[in-house]
PDB file of N, CA and C in Angstrom:
ATOM      1  N   UNK A   1    -107.647  30.209 -51.794  1.00  0.00           N
ATOM      2  CA  UNK A   1    -106.442  30.516 -50.886  1.00  0.00           C
ATOM      3  C   UNK A   1    -105.584  29.327 -50.773  1.00  0.00           C
ATOM      4  N   UNK A   2    -106.306  28.319 -50.765  1.00  0.00           N
ATOM      5  CA  UNK A   2    -105.280  27.120 -50.211  1.00  0.00           C
ATOM      6  C   UNK A   2    -104.442  26.681 -51.470  1.00  0.00           C
ATOM      7  N   UNK A   3    -105.053  26.897 -52.488  1.00  0.00           N
ATOM      8  CA  UNK A   3    -104.036  26.540 -53.740  1.00  0.00           C
ATOM      9  C   UNK A   3    -102.812  27.631 -53.953  1.00  0.00           C
ATOM     10  N   UNK A   4    -103.038  28.947 -53.513  1.00  0.00           N
ATOM     11  CA  UNK A   4    -102.129  29.687 -53.455  1.00  0.00           C
ATOM     12  C   UNK A   4    -101.091  29.321 -52.484  1.00  0.00           C
ATOM     13  N   UNK A   5    -101.305  28.689 -51.301  1.00  0.00           N
ATOM     14  CA  UNK A   5    -100.345  28.308 -50.103  1.00  0.00           C
ATOM     15  C   UNK A   5     -99.721  27.229 -50.786  1.00  0.00           C
ATOM     16  N   UNK A   6    -100.121  26.195 -51.391  1.00  0.00           N
ATOM     17  CA  UNK A   6     -99.630  25.127 -51.853  1.00  0.00           C
ATOM     18  C   UNK A   6     -98.581  25.696 -52.807  1.00  0.00           C
ATOM     19  N   UNK A   7     -98.819  26.195 -53.972  1.00  0.00           N
ATOM     20  CA  UNK A   7     -97.959  26.910 -54.909  1.00  0.00           C
ATOM     21  C   UNK A   7     -96.552  27.438 -53.962  1.00  0.00           C
ATOM     22  N   UNK A   8     -96.799  28.201 -53.062  1.00  0.00           N
ATOM     23  CA  UNK A   8     -95.864  29.007 -51.957  1.00  0.00           C
ATOM     24  C   UNK A   8     -95.129  28.065 -51.636  1.00  0.00           C
ATOM     25  N   UNK A   9     -95.769  26.842 -50.750  1.00  0.00           N
ATOM     26  CA  UNK A   9     -94.626  25.810 -50.158  1.00  0.00           C
ATOM     27  C   UNK A   9     -94.109  24.856 -51.405  1.00  0.00           C
ATOM     28  N   UNK A  10     -94.626  24.641 -52.415  1.00  0.00           N
ATOM     29  CA  UNK A  10     -93.600  24.090 -53.674  1.00  0.00           C
ATOM     30  C   UNK A  10     -92.871  24.896 -53.921  1.00  0.00           C
ATOM     31  N   UNK A  11     -92.623  26.377 -54.039  1.00  0.00           N
ATOM     32  CA  UNK A  11     -91.636  27.172 -54.411  1.00  0.00           C
ATOM     33  C   UNK A  11     -90.521  27.111 -53.395  1.00  0.00           C
ATOM     34  N   UNK A  12     -91.037  26.870 -52.139  1.00  0.00           N
ATOM     35  CA  UNK A  12     -89.909  26.925 -51.101  1.00  0.00           C
ATOM     36  C   UNK A  12     -89.385  25.575 -51.210  1.00  0.00           C
ATOM     37  N   UNK A  13     -89.682  24.534 -51.759  1.00  0.00           N
ATOM     38  CA  UNK A  13     -88.888  23.157 -51.439  1.00  0.00           C
ATOM     39  C   UNK A  13     -87.918  23.152 -52.813  1.00  0.00           C
ATOM     40  N   UNK A  14     -87.767  24.174 -53.523  1.00  0.00           N
ATOM     41  CA  UNK A  14     -86.659  24.254 -54.964  1.00  0.00           C
ATOM     42  C   UNK A  14     -85.885  25.136 -54.505  1.00  0.00           C
ATOM     43  N   UNK A  15     -86.031  26.002 -53.410  1.00  0.00           N
ATOM     44  CA  UNK A  15     -85.259  27.295 -53.291  1.00  0.00           C
ATOM     45  C   UNK A  15     -83.544  26.888 -52.823  1.00  0.00           C
ATOM     46  N   UNK A  16     -83.178  25.809 -52.508  1.00  0.00           N
ATOM     47  CA  UNK A  16     -81.939  25.450 -52.188  1.00  0.00           C
ATOM     48  C   UNK A  16     -81.095  24.597 -53.276  1.00  0.00           C
ATOM     49  N   UNK A  17     -82.020  24.299 -54.050  1.00  0.00           N
ATOM     50  CA  UNK A  17     -81.319  23.554 -55.341  1.00  0.00           C
ATOM     51  C   UNK A  17     -80.121  23.987 -56.078  1.00  0.00           C
ATOM     52  N   UNK A  18     -79.010  23.639 -56.272  1.00  0.00           N
ATOM     53  CA  UNK A  18     -78.097  23.977 -56.991  1.00  0.00           C
ATOM     54  C   UNK A  18     -77.747  23.192 -58.297  1.00  0.00           C
ATOM     55  N   UNK A  19     -78.649  22.050 -58.921  1.00  0.00           N
ATOM     56  CA  UNK A  19     -78.325  21.441 -59.723  1.00  0.00           C
ATOM     57  C   UNK A  19     -79.628  20.682 -60.012  1.00  0.00           C
ATOM     58  N   UNK A  20     -80.204  20.503 -61.422  1.00  0.00           N
ATOM     59  CA  UNK A  20     -81.356  19.827 -61.828  1.00  0.00           C
ATOM     60  C   UNK A  20     -80.853  18.755 -62.877  1.00  0.00           C
ATOM     61  N   UNK A  21     -81.137  17.387 -62.791  1.00  0.00           N
ATOM     62  CA  UNK A  21     -80.745  16.541 -63.792  1.00  0.00           C
ATOM     63  C   UNK A  21     -82.299  16.127 -64.323  1.00  0.00           C
ATOM     64  N   UNK A  22     -82.531  16.135 -65.548  1.00  0.00           N
ATOM     65  CA  UNK A  22     -83.898  15.523 -65.900  1.00  0.00           C
ATOM     66  C   UNK A  22     -83.276  14.664 -67.183  1.00  0.00           C
ATOM     67  N   UNK A  23     -83.509  13.038 -66.877  1.00  0.00           N
ATOM     68  CA  UNK A  23     -83.470  12.277 -67.641  1.00  0.00           C
ATOM     69  C   UNK A  23     -84.628  11.485 -68.314  1.00  0.00           C
ATOM     70  N   UNK A  24     -84.565  11.636 -69.676  1.00  0.00           N
ATOM     71  CA  UNK A  24     -85.563  11.081 -70.555  1.00  0.00           C
ATOM     72  C   UNK A  24     -86.217  12.639 -71.134  1.00  0.00           C
ATOM     73  N   UNK A  25     -85.331  13.644 -71.139  1.00  0.00           N
ATOM     74  CA  UNK A  25     -85.907  14.744 -71.351  1.00  0.00           C
ATOM     75  C   UNK A  25     -85.857  14.849 -73.257  1.00  0.00           C
ATOM     76  N   UNK A  26     -87.094  15.222 -73.798  1.00  0.00           N
ATOM     77  CA  UNK A  26     -87.258  15.310 -75.226  1.00  0.00           C
ATOM     78  C   UNK A  26     -87.952  16.429 -75.798  1.00  0.00           C
ATOM     79  N   UNK A  27     -87.996  17.400 -74.708  1.00  0.00           N
ATOM     80  CA  UNK A  27     -88.763  18.725 -75.261  1.00  0.00           C
ATOM     81  C   UNK A  27     -89.733  18.698 -75.185  1.00  0.00           C
ATOM     82  N   UNK A  28     -90.810  18.019 -74.663  1.00  0.00           N
ATOM     83  CA  UNK A  28     -92.136  18.136 -74.669  1.00  0.00           C
ATOM     84  C   UNK A  28     -92.457  19.037 -73.937  1.00  0.00           C
ATOM     85  N   UNK A  29     -93.646  19.928 -74.181  1.00  0.00           N
ATOM     86  CA  UNK A  29     -94.201  20.964 -73.532  1.00  0.00           C
ATOM     87  C   UNK A  29     -94.358  20.803 -72.010  1.00  0.00           C
ATOM     88  N   UNK A  30     -94.802  19.803 -71.511  1.00  0.00           N
ATOM     89  CA  UNK A  30     -94.753  19.883 -69.784  1.00  0.00           C
ATOM     90  C   UNK A  30     -93.349  19.773 -69.336  1.00  0.00           C
ATOM     91  N   UNK A  31     -92.425  19.132 -70.046  1.00  0.00           N
ATOM     92  CA  UNK A  31     -91.058  18.924 -69.600  1.00  0.00           C
ATOM     93  C   UNK A  31     -90.616  20.396 -69.714  1.00  0.00           C
ATOM     94  N   UNK A  32     -90.535  21.058 -70.617  1.00  0.00           N
ATOM     95  CA  UNK A  32     -90.471  22.594 -70.594  1.00  0.00           C
ATOM     96  C   UNK A  32     -90.843  23.479 -69.517  1.00  0.00           C
ATOM     97  N   UNK A  33     -91.909  23.308 -69.359  1.00  0.00           N
ATOM     98  CA  UNK A  33     -92.812  24.003 -68.191  1.00  0.00           C
ATOM     99  C   UNK A  33     -92.251  23.436 -66.797  1.00  0.00           C
ATOM    100  N   UNK A  34     -92.164  22.256 -66.592  1.00  0.00           N
ATOM    101  CA  UNK A  34     -91.387  21.868 -65.213  1.00  0.00           C
ATOM    102  C   UNK A  34     -90.017  22.363 -64.888  1.00  0.00           C
ATOM    103  N   UNK A  35     -89.243  22.315 -66.119  1.00  0.00           N
ATOM    104  CA  UNK A  35     -87.805  22.836 -65.941  1.00  0.00           C
ATOM    105  C   UNK A  35     -87.824  24.509 -65.666  1.00  0.00           C
ATOM    106  N   UNK A  36     -88.834  25.289 -66.427  1.00  0.00           N
ATOM    107  CA  UNK A  36     -88.874  26.823 -66.248  1.00  0.00           C
ATOM    108  C   UNK A  36     -89.015  26.658 -64.776  1.00  0.00           C
ATOM    109  N   UNK A  37     -90.215  26.009 -64.487  1.00  0.00           N
ATOM    110  CA  UNK A  37     -90.709  26.596 -63.040  1.00  0.00           C
ATOM    111  C   UNK A  37     -89.613  26.240 -61.858  1.00  0.00           C
ATOM    112  N   UNK A  38     -88.957  24.998 -61.969  1.00  0.00           N
ATOM    113  CA  UNK A  38     -87.937  24.766 -61.295  1.00  0.00           C
ATOM    114  C   UNK A  38     -86.522  25.917 -61.223  1.00  0.00           C
ATOM    115  N   UNK A  39     -86.405  26.324 -62.378  1.00  0.00           N
ATOM    116  CA  UNK A  39     -85.363  27.261 -62.726  1.00  0.00           C
ATOM    117  C   UNK A  39     -85.800  28.562 -62.078  1.00  0.00           C
ATOM    118  N   UNK A  40     -87.152  28.931 -62.376  1.00  0.00           N
ATOM    119  CA  UNK A  40     -87.413  30.279 -61.761  1.00  0.00           C
ATOM    120  C   UNK A  40     -87.657  30.314 -59.862  1.00  0.00           C
ATOM    121  N   UNK A  41     -88.029  29.102 -59.661  1.00  0.00           N
ATOM    122  CA  UNK A  41     -87.981  28.908 -57.999  1.00  0.00           C
ATOM    123  C   UNK A  41     -86.662  28.469 -57.319  1.00  0.00           C
ATOM    124  N   UNK A  42     -85.593  28.693 -58.138  1.00  0.00           N
ATOM    125  CA  UNK A  42     -84.371  28.267 -57.433  1.00  0.00           C
ATOM    126  C   UNK A  42     -83.420  28.916 -57.653  1.00  0.00           C
ATOM    127  N   UNK A  43     -83.326  30.194 -56.923  1.00  0.00           N
ATOM    128  CA  UNK A  43     -82.043  31.225 -56.979  1.00  0.00           C
ATOM    129  C   UNK A  43     -80.783  30.804 -56.887  1.00  0.00           C
ATOM    130  N   UNK A  44     -80.343  29.811 -56.653  1.00  0.00           N
ATOM    131  CA  UNK A  44     -79.075  28.962 -56.304  1.00  0.00           C
ATOM    132  C   UNK A  44     -78.697  28.164 -57.293  1.00  0.00           C
ATOM    133  N   UNK A  45     -79.522  27.968 -58.504  1.00  0.00           N
ATOM    134  CA  UNK A  45     -79.444  26.704 -59.265  1.00  0.00           C
ATOM    135  C   UNK A  45     -78.174  27.405 -60.022  1.00  0.00           C
ATOM    136  N   UNK A  46     -77.255  26.491 -60.573  1.00  0.00           N
ATOM    137  CA  UNK A  46     -76.379  26.682 -61.264  1.00  0.00           C
ATOM    138  C   UNK A  46     -75.999  25.769 -62.641  1.00  0.00           C
ATOM    139  N   UNK A  47     -76.590  24.687 -62.470  1.00  0.00           N
ATOM    140  CA  UNK A  47     -76.621  23.689 -63.648  1.00  0.00           C
ATOM    141  C   UNK A  47     -77.852  22.935 -63.665  1.00  0.00           C
ATOM    142  N   UNK A  48     -78.505  22.996 -65.261  1.00  0.00           N
ATOM    143  CA  UNK A  48     -79.598  22.196 -65.404  1.00  0.00           C
ATOM    144  C   UNK A  48     -78.797  21.333 -66.339  1.00  0.00           C
ATOM    145  N   UNK A  49     -79.036  19.958 -66.212  1.00  0.00           N
ATOM    146  CA  UNK A  49     -78.761  18.967 -67.027  1.00  0.00           C
ATOM    147  C   UNK A  49     -79.904  18.211 -67.957  1.00  0.00           C
ATOM    148  N   UNK A  50     -80.106  18.412 -68.824  1.00  0.00           N
ATOM    149  CA  UNK A  50     -81.317  17.730 -69.757  1.00  0.00           C
ATOM    150  C   UNK A  50     -80.542  16.497 -70.516  1.00  0.00           C
ATOM    151  N   UNK A  51     -81.084  15.587 -70.312  1.00  0.00           N
ATOM    152  CA  UNK A  51     -80.446  14.073 -70.722  1.00  0.00           C
ATOM    153  C   UNK A  51     -81.684  13.193 -71.547  1.00  0.00           C
ATOM    154  N   UNK A  52     -81.261  12.881 -72.827  1.00  0.00           N
ATOM    155  CA  UNK A  52     -82.266  12.221 -73.719  1.00  0.00           C
ATOM    156  C   UNK A  52     -81.773  10.645 -72.967  1.00  0.00           C
ATOM    157  N   UNK A  53     -82.393   9.931 -72.295  1.00  0.00           N
ATOM    158  CA  UNK A  53     -81.789   8.519 -72.049  1.00  0.00           C
ATOM    159  C   UNK A  53     -82.980   7.993 -70.925  1.00  0.00           C
ATOM    160  N   UNK A  54     -82.657   7.037 -70.354  1.00  0.00           N
ATOM    161  CA  UNK A  54     -83.619   6.481 -69.198  1.00  0.00           C
ATOM    162  C   UNK A  54     -82.774   6.160 -67.986  1.00  0.00           C
ATOM    163  N   UNK A  55     -83.165   5.542 -67.072  1.00  0.00           N
ATOM    164  CA  UNK A  55     -82.692   5.233 -65.782  1.00  0.00           C
ATOM    165  C   UNK A  55     -83.002   3.897 -65.644  1.00  0.00           C
ATOM    166  N   UNK A  56     -81.838   2.893 -65.165  1.00  0.00           N
ATOM    167  CA  UNK A  56     -82.029   1.379 -64.822  1.00  0.00           C
ATOM    168  C   UNK A  56     -81.571   1.531 -63.294  1.00  0.00           C
ATOM    169  N   UNK A  57     -82.274   0.791 -62.778  1.00  0.00           N
ATOM    170  CA  UNK A  57     -82.233   0.529 -61.078  1.00  0.00           C
ATOM    171  C   UNK A  57     -81.503  -0.829 -60.721  1.00  0.00           C
ATOM    172  N   UNK A  58     -80.369  -0.698 -60.202  1.00  0.00           N
ATOM    173  CA  UNK A  58     -79.839  -2.100 -59.942  1.00  0.00           C
ATOM    174  C   UNK A  58     -80.122  -2.046 -58.377  1.00  0.00           C
ATOM    175  N   UNK A  59     -80.954  -3.232 -58.154  1.00  0.00           N
ATOM    176  CA  UNK A  59     -81.752  -3.270 -56.812  1.00  0.00           C
ATOM    177  C   UNK A  59     -80.715  -4.106 -55.538  1.00  0.00           C
ATOM    178  N   UNK A  60     -79.746  -4.215 -56.304  1.00  0.00           N
ATOM    179  CA  UNK A  60     -78.618  -5.088 -55.205  1.00  0.00           C
ATOM    180  C   UNK A  60     -77.831  -3.919 -54.762  1.00  0.00           C
ATOM    181  N   UNK A  61     -77.614  -2.894 -55.582  1.00  0.00           N
ATOM    182  CA  UNK A  61     -76.994  -1.606 -54.824  1.00  0.00           C
ATOM    183  C   UNK A  61     -77.950  -0.737 -54.386  1.00  0.00           C
ATOM    184  N   UNK A  62     -77.954  -0.617 -53.078  1.00  0.00           N
ATOM    185  CA  UNK A  62     -78.996   0.179 -52.448  1.00  0.00           C
ATOM    186  C   UNK A  62     -78.616   1.702 -52.805  1.00  0.00           C
ATOM    187  N   UNK A  63     -77.503   2.017 -52.360  1.00  0.00           N
ATOM    188  CA  UNK A  63     -76.918   3.146 -52.613  1.00  0.00           C
ATOM    189  C   UNK A  63     -76.269   3.403 -54.006  1.00  0.00           C
ATOM    190  N   UNK A  64     -76.526   4.603 -54.568  1.00  0.00           N
ATOM    191  CA  UNK A  64     -76.262   4.730 -55.701  1.00  0.00           C
ATOM    192  C   UNK A  64     -76.636   3.611 -56.949  1.00  0.00           C
ATOM    193  N   UNK A  65     -77.635   3.043 -56.696  1.00  0.00           N
ATOM    194  CA  UNK A  65     -78.033   2.178 -57.591  1.00  0.00           C
ATOM    195  C   UNK A  65     -78.699   2.308 -58.796  1.00  0.00           C
ATOM    196  N   UNK A  66     -78.665   3.782 -59.212  1.00  0.00           N
ATOM    197  CA  UNK A  66     -79.329   4.149 -60.482  1.00  0.00           C
ATOM    198  C   UNK A  66     -78.299   4.397 -61.674  1.00  0.00           C
ATOM    199  N   UNK A  67     -78.430   4.171 -62.962  1.00  0.00           N
ATOM    200  CA  UNK A  67     -77.736   3.960 -63.638  1.00  0.00           C
ATOM    201  C   UNK A  67     -78.189   4.754 -64.895  1.00  0.00           C
ATOM    202  N   UNK A  68     -77.690   5.910 -65.445  1.00  0.00           N
ATOM    203  CA  UNK A  68     -78.325   6.359 -66.597  1.00  0.00           C
ATOM    204  C   UNK A  68     -77.733   5.951 -67.744  1.00  0.00           C
ATOM    205  N   UNK A  69     -78.737   5.363 -68.822  1.00  0.00           N
ATOM    206  CA  UNK A  69     -78.163   4.713 -69.942  1.00  0.00           C
ATOM    207  C   UNK A  69     -78.537   5.799 -71.106  1.00  0.00           C
ATOM    208  N   UNK A  70     -77.750   6.288 -71.564  1.00  0.00           N
ATOM    209  CA  UNK A  70     -78.071   7.465 -72.523  1.00  0.00           C
ATOM    210  C   UNK A  70     -78.454   7.083 -73.872  1.00  0.00           C
ATOM    211  N   UNK A  71     -79.413   7.783 -74.675  1.00  0.00           N
ATOM    212  CA  UNK A  71     -79.906   7.570 -75.908  1.00  0.00           C
ATOM    213  C   UNK A  71     -78.670   8.031 -76.961  1.00  0.00           C
ATOM    214  N   UNK A  72     -78.467   7.726 -78.233  1.00  0.00           N
ATOM    215  CA  UNK A  72     -77.717   8.465 -79.084  1.00  0.00           C
ATOM    216  C   UNK A  72     -78.405   9.744 -79.951  1.00  0.00           C
ATOM    217  N   UNK A  73     -79.041  10.069 -79.526  1.00  0.00           N
ATOM    218  CA  UNK A  73     -79.939  11.249 -80.117  1.00  0.00           C
ATOM    219  C   UNK A  73     -78.636  12.562 -80.340  1.00  0.00           C
ATOM    220  N   UNK A  74     -78.978  13.053 -81.303  1.00  0.00           N
ATOM    221  CA  UNK A  74     -78.126  14.127 -81.828  1.00  0.00           C
ATOM    222  C   UNK A  74     -78.971  15.266 -81.991  1.00  0.00           C
ATOM    223  N   UNK A  75     -78.911  16.074 -81.259  1.00  0.00           N
ATOM    224  CA  UNK A  75     -79.916  17.571 -81.096  1.00  0.00           C
ATOM    225  C   UNK A  75     -79.226  18.633 -82.432  1.00  0.00           C
ATOM    226  N   UNK A  76     -80.048  18.788 -83.361  1.00  0.00           N
ATOM    227  CA  UNK A  76     -79.373  19.696 -84.474  1.00  0.00           C
ATOM    228  C   UNK A  76     -79.115  21.099 -83.853  1.00  0.00           C
ATOM    229  N   UNK A  77     -78.748  21.791 -84.447  1.00  0.00           N
ATOM    230  CA  UNK A  77     -78.592  22.910 -83.504  1.00  0.00           C
ATOM    231  C   UNK A  77     -79.849  23.973 -83.765  1.00  0.00           C
ATOM    232  N   UNK A  78     -80.625  23.603 -84.652  1.00  0.00           N
ATOM    233  CA  UNK A  78     -82.018  24.499 -84.697  1.00  0.00           C
ATOM    234  C   UNK A  78     -82.793  24.066 -83.448  1.00  0.00           C
ATOM    235  N   UNK A  79     -82.641  22.857 -83.329  1.00  0.00           N
ATOM    236  CA  UNK A  79     -83.455  22.090 -82.279  1.00  0.00           C
ATOM    237  C   UNK A  79     -82.930  22.811 -80.781  1.00  0.00           C
ATOM    238  N   UNK A  80     -81.755  22.533 -80.535  1.00  0.00           N
ATOM    239  CA  UNK A  80     -80.991  23.024 -79.304  1.00  0.00           C
ATOM    240  C   UNK A  80     -81.481  24.593 -78.947  1.00  0.00           C
ATOM    241  N   UNK A  81     -81.282  25.569 -80.309  1.00  0.00           N
ATOM    242  CA  UNK A  81     -81.463  26.931 -79.742  1.00  0.00           C
ATOM    243  C   UNK A  81     -83.029  26.941 -79.385  1.00  0.00           C
ATOM    244  N   UNK A  82     -83.868  26.382 -80.146  1.00  0.00           N
ATOM    245  CA  UNK A  82     -85.221  26.342 -79.598  1.00  0.00           C
ATOM    246  C   UNK A  82     -85.710  25.886 -78.380  1.00  0.00           C
ATOM    247  N   UNK A  83     -85.125  24.738 -78.005  1.00  0.00           N
ATOM    248  CA  UNK A  83     -85.167  24.380 -76.429  1.00  0.00           C
ATOM    249  C   UNK A  83     -84.742  25.210 -75.693  1.00  0.00           C
ATOM    250  N   UNK A  84     -83.541  26.091 -75.716  1.00  0.00           N
ATOM    251  CA  UNK A  84     -82.904  26.970 -74.814  1.00  0.00           C
ATOM    252  C   UNK A  84     -83.650  28.188 -75.048  1.00  0.00           C
ATOM    253  N   UNK A  85     -84.320  28.604 -76.212  1.00  0.00           N
ATOM    254  CA  UNK A  85     -85.067  29.913 -76.216  1.00  0.00           C
ATOM    255  C   UNK A  85     -86.366  29.781 -75.470  1.00  0.00           C
ATOM    256  N   UNK A  86     -86.925  28.378 -75.564  1.00  0.00           N
ATOM    257  CA  UNK A  86     -88.251  28.265 -74.619  1.00  0.00           C
ATOM    258  C   UNK A  86     -87.827  28.317 -73.176  1.00  0.00           C
ATOM    259  N   UNK A  87     -86.591  27.702 -72.787  1.00  0.00           N
ATOM    260  CA  UNK A  87     -86.497  27.767 -71.326  1.00  0.00           C
ATOM    261  C   UNK A  87     -86.295  29.014 -70.631  1.00  0.00           C
ATOM    262  N   UNK A  88     -85.558  29.889 -71.827  1.00  0.00           N
ATOM    263  CA  UNK A  88     -85.310  31.374 -71.076  1.00  0.00           C
ATOM    264  C   UNK A  88     -86.287  32.208 -71.159  1.00  0.00           C
ATOM    265  N   UNK A  89     -86.902  32.191 -72.469  1.00  0.00           N
ATOM    266  CA  UNK A  89     -88.373  32.953 -72.541  1.00  0.00           C
ATOM    267  C   UNK A  89     -89.181  33.322 -71.441  1.00  0.00           C
ATOM    268  N   UNK A  90     -89.382  34.338 -71.243  1.00  0.00           N
ATOM    269  CA  UNK A  90     -90.567  34.829 -70.207  1.00  0.00           C
ATOM    270  C   UNK A  90     -90.352  34.145 -69.019  1.00  0.00           C
ATOM    271  N   UNK A  91     -88.985  33.597 -68.909  1.00  0.00           N
ATOM    272  CA  UNK A  91     -88.923  33.097 -67.252  1.00  0.00           C
ATOM    273  C   UNK A  91     -88.259  34.156 -66.377  1.00  0.00           C
ATOM    274  N   UNK A  92     -88.076  35.122 -66.426  1.00  0.00           N
ATOM    275  CA  UNK A  92     -87.599  36.046 -65.272  1.00  0.00           C
ATOM    276  C   UNK A  92     -86.363  35.704 -64.735  1.00  0.00           C
ATOM    277  N   UNK A  93     -85.769  34.901 -65.311  1.00  0.00           N
ATOM    278  CA  UNK A  93     -84.190  34.706 -64.907  1.00  0.00           C
ATOM    279  C   UNK A  93     -83.163  35.388 -65.351  1.00  0.00           C
ATOM    280  N   UNK A  94     -82.472  36.031 -64.634  1.00  0.00           N
ATOM    281  CA  UNK A  94     -81.153  36.809 -64.730  1.00  0.00           C
ATOM    282  C   UNK A  94     -80.106  36.314 -64.251  1.00  0.00           C
ATOM    283  N   UNK A  95     -79.613  34.998 -64.492  1.00  0.00           N
ATOM    284  CA  UNK A  95     -78.285  34.295 -64.003  1.00  0.00           C
ATOM    285  C   UNK A  95     -77.209  33.985 -64.942  1.00  0.00           C
ATOM    286  N   UNK A  96     -76.232  34.679 -64.666  1.00  0.00           N
ATOM    287  CA  UNK A  96     -75.321  34.736 -65.775  1.00  0.00           C
ATOM    288  C   UNK A  96     -74.466  33.221 -65.276  1.00  0.00           C
ATOM    289  N   UNK A  97     -74.798  32.794 -64.159  1.00  0.00           N
ATOM    290  CA  UNK A  97     -74.188  31.527 -63.628  1.00  0.00           C
ATOM    291  C   UNK A  97     -74.654  30.066 -63.681  1.00  0.00           C
ATOM    292  N   UNK A  98     -76.030  30.624 -64.322  1.00  0.00           N
ATOM    293  CA  UNK A  98     -77.076  29.138 -64.483  1.00  0.00           C
ATOM    294  C   UNK A  98     -76.329  28.740 -66.182  1.00  0.00           C
ATOM    295  N   UNK A  99     -76.111  27.470 -66.052  1.00  0.00           N
ATOM    296  CA  UNK A  99     -75.625  26.668 -67.149  1.00  0.00           C
ATOM    297  C   UNK A  99     -76.625  25.653 -67.723  1.00  0.00           C
ATOM    298  N   UNK A 100     -77.041  25.432 -68.970  1.00  0.00           N
ATOM    299  CA  UNK A 100     -78.068  24.491 -69.322  1.00  0.00           C
ATOM    300  C   UNK A 100     -77.205  23.660 -70.067  1.00  0.00           C
ATOM    301  N   UNK A 101     -77.205  22.332 -69.776  1.00  0.00           N
ATOM    302  CA  UNK A 101     -76.583  21.313 -70.574  1.00  0.00           C
ATOM    303  C   UNK A 101     -77.436  20.368 -71.244  1.00  0.00           C
ATOM    304  N   UNK A 102     -77.619  20.419 -72.768  1.00  0.00           N
ATOM    305  CA  UNK A 102     -78.577  19.742 -73.479  1.00  0.00           C
ATOM    306  C   UNK A 102     -77.949  18.395 -74.023  1.00  0.00           C
ATOM    307  N   UNK A 103     -77.929  17.343 -73.400  1.00  0.00           N
ATOM    308  CA  UNK A 103     -77.465  16.328 -74.269  1.00  0.00           C
ATOM    309  C   UNK A 103     -78.468  15.117 -74.646  1.00  0.00           C
TER     310      UNK A 103
END
């Protein structure tokens, strides 16, 4: 019973999300699963940005002190299609306003 309540509480924390940005996305299984879970638990979600890169923290700039440094990865069309299919398949999401951006 406790684990069911934990899942319910976790789902509620994503309820108001409108945008998700994942930095360092390389389409491994746990990342796909995480993004699918957040998409499903976030009915107000409008955009999902999946970026291949890393974050550099500027300790001198307290506010907005994070900078995303992109990698120069080229997603081949078949890779892009496979990732998008994995995210949508079996997710139970029918949201025409949800856009997934894979960079």
